[in-house]
Every structure is written in structure tokens, then in C-alpha cells.
Amino acid sequence: MSIQFKIMTAAVALVCASGAIARKGEVVKMVRIDAQSGLLGPVGVNQLKSYQFFAEKFSGKGNPAGVTFEVTGIDNKLSPAESLNALKSAIDQGVRYIIQGNGSSVALALSDAVTKHNERNPGKEVIYLNDAAVDPDLTNSKCSYWHFRFDADTSMKMEAMSSFMVDQKDIKKVYILGQNYSHGVQVAKYAKETLGRKRPDIQIVGEDLHPLAQVRDFAPYIAKIKASGADTVITGNWGSDLSLLVKAAMEGGFAGNFYTYYAGVTGTPTALGTNGAGKVYQIAYSHYNMGGQMDKWMTEFKTKYNDDFYTGSVIRVYQMLGAAMAKAKSTDPVKVAAALEGLRVDSFNGEVEMRKFDHQLQQPLYMTVWQKADKKHPYSPENTGMTLVPLKVYPNYVSSTPTSCQMKRPS
């Protein structure tokens, strides 16, 4: 009887354990909550296509856990309130992995809502995967165990950007222009802080915040920039707010330089055209000419959608989820979250690490400049004949910034 009992106990344990293992072919449903309409809608539509495109690449044999990723989208109209409704709808449908990125105000609302949901609903936990919202507060004062950021935050990008600007002696007067929400405010804050520390001789001759995704004519802002005598503009604008700004600058005859975060995003390449050559810089975790497998993927994406792939964090979301699920031997968000902490993977830009202390991905950053495409840098976004040419690479330790996060982990 004793031997039989031990055999039965072992069998039960085996069955229980197998229920926690990520089964090959298991479908992992994810929902991306982001704008798919309005002025900034084209960015969200592009990124949803990106998730669905790479779901095919990283499903089954494409990830070490052997799971199949399935991604759908909900249009949040860039509204925190709409996003919370979308989150509830996704959770009610049994979705355990939520993706979002455009708009830090939305990200802050989602992070808080996911955290509260998980506290109140043990056994139904959800993980929030942030691919683009870069407000530093998300991994500092408002950090959450259930939030993981795959983009570099505003302070990290500004650390690298200002390191490049230190050596540009032609920069003497800077104007800061941004969108009037948490991201725009943070860009201005860190621009003044880092330049004050590294290049105190640079004058900040103006600073403006404008309504998010509402301005259709930036000519008045360009007039103010020209009147200030600025030779350089720093902006965290993205989507239509950057493309329309650049368009107004080209039409208004502003001869200075732009230092940006998102020059490669939908609409901006066309607005730049050939007039922006040598004048527009971008700091980011990738660019159009990364080489190797990335070049093949980008060509395939363009052929399939007649659009450009630029949100490289999509790839790392899949790489890290697959690795974490294999490590945890489970798709349970509780076990996957624990496996994601401190996880390292080799990605398209070298080794990246999900820092355990605050869930901020540590990664290299690239400074690029808008120039004519050539044999060495052939990829041309929006068929402009132009591209972003890499000037300098900043390894993980250069762009890494400290965190004040006091992570509250589940017991």
C-alpha cells in the first residue's frame, strides 16, 4: 500500500506540474491598446501590423517555449479613459498580456489599473508590456512589478543625446518644443538638466508645450523659434506633431538643426524629404540600416504592407516573452513576470537586459542623421530616397540612468 501510495502521489504531482508547463502550440493571446484613429492613428496602425507580422516569425519554432502568439488591437483614441475600458474588455475576454506604448499618460493609467487588478484578482493576473511610453516615472516613482518597458526612457535617451551634443561646438542656442503631457514635460526637464551639466555654455532661448495631436499648423511656433535666434531645436514630438512641425520648419525657412526621438516614425520622413538632409538627428535604440536579419525583415514587411517597420521593441517583446515562458515552463503571468526579471537575450542590437530593480530594458542607443540613402545605408523610408545614417553607438552603460523605484513584489 505504501508503494502504491507513493506511485499515485508521484503521478498526481506530474499531472499538476504538466499543467504549469508552457505547451508547444499553446496560444498566448495579447491585446494592444493604442490609437488607431485620429491624427496619431497611422502610428498605432503601423505598430499593430508590426505585432501581427512578427507574431508569425516568433510563434512555434520561433521561440524556445514553442507557444503561438496571437495579437489583436483596440483603438483607445489616445485617451486614458478609453484605455481603461479597453483593458477591462480585454481582461473579460481572458487576455493576460496587455501591450501599449503611444502616450505616457495612457501608460501611467494602465500601469496603475493593471497593478490594482492583480492585487484584487489573484489567479487572474495580467502583465503590461510597454513598447514606447517613455516617461521615467513609470520605472521610478510609479514603478509596478507588472509593468515592463522595452523602449529606453526619456532620461536615457537624453543622456545619450546630450553626450553627442557635447562635441557639436556649433550648438550655442537651443529651443525646446514639446507636446503638453508627461512625455513633453520630461523631455524639457532632462534636456535642461543634462545640457546644464555637460554644456553649461549653451543657452536655452525658448521653451514651449503645445496640445497633443491637435495642432495642424506649426508656423507660429517656427516663427517664435526663428525670432529667438535658436540654432537648434530639441523635441520629443512624435507622429503628426513631429511631421507637421518639420514641414512648417522647412516651409518657414528655419535653417537650424532638430534633435529628435522619433524622426523615423510614420509621416515624418515624407515631411523631411531632401530638405532635412544633415539637419535632423534622432536618438533611438535602432535605425533603418541595422543589417543582417533585421534588413531582411524590414524588406519583407515593406513588401507585405507597403509600409516601414520602425518599432524594434516589438521584436524584443517576443524574444523576451518566449525566453521567459521557456524559463518559467509556463505562460502564467505570475511565473513569466518572475522569469522576465533580470532576463538577458541577444537581440538585433546586441545583448539587452530587463533590469530587475525597475523593469527597464537596458540597451544600446544610436545617434543618426537624416541623409541621402547610399549603398552602405540603402533603406529608404516612405520612398524618400533618404535614410537615417548612424553616427555613433552608445552602449548600455552610457545611456543607463539610476532608478528610485521601490518595487512592491507579490508575496
Foldseek 3Di string as FASTA:
>chain_A
DVVVVVVVVVVVVVVVVLVFFLDAAAEAEEEEEEACDAQQNVQVVLVQLVLVLCLVCCAQVNFPSNYRYDYDYDHQNQDLVSLVVVVVVCLVVLHAEYEYEPHLVNVLSVQVVLQVCCVVDPPSHHAYEYQHHAQQCCLFVSDELRYAYLWHHLLLLLLVVVVVVLPVVVFAEEEEEEAPDRRSVVNVVNNCVSCCVRPVRHHHQYYYHDHPSPDQACLVVLVVCVVSVGQEYEYADEGNVQLNNLLNCLVVVRNHAYEYAYCPGPNNLVSCFQVQAPRYKHKTQDWQQLDDPSVVSQVVSCVVPVAGDDSQSSVVVSHLQSVLSNVLSRNRSLSSSVSQAQDWDQDSQGIWTQHNQRNYIQGKMWMWGKHAADPNRHDRGPPRSITTHTDDIGGRVSSDDDHNDPYDRDD
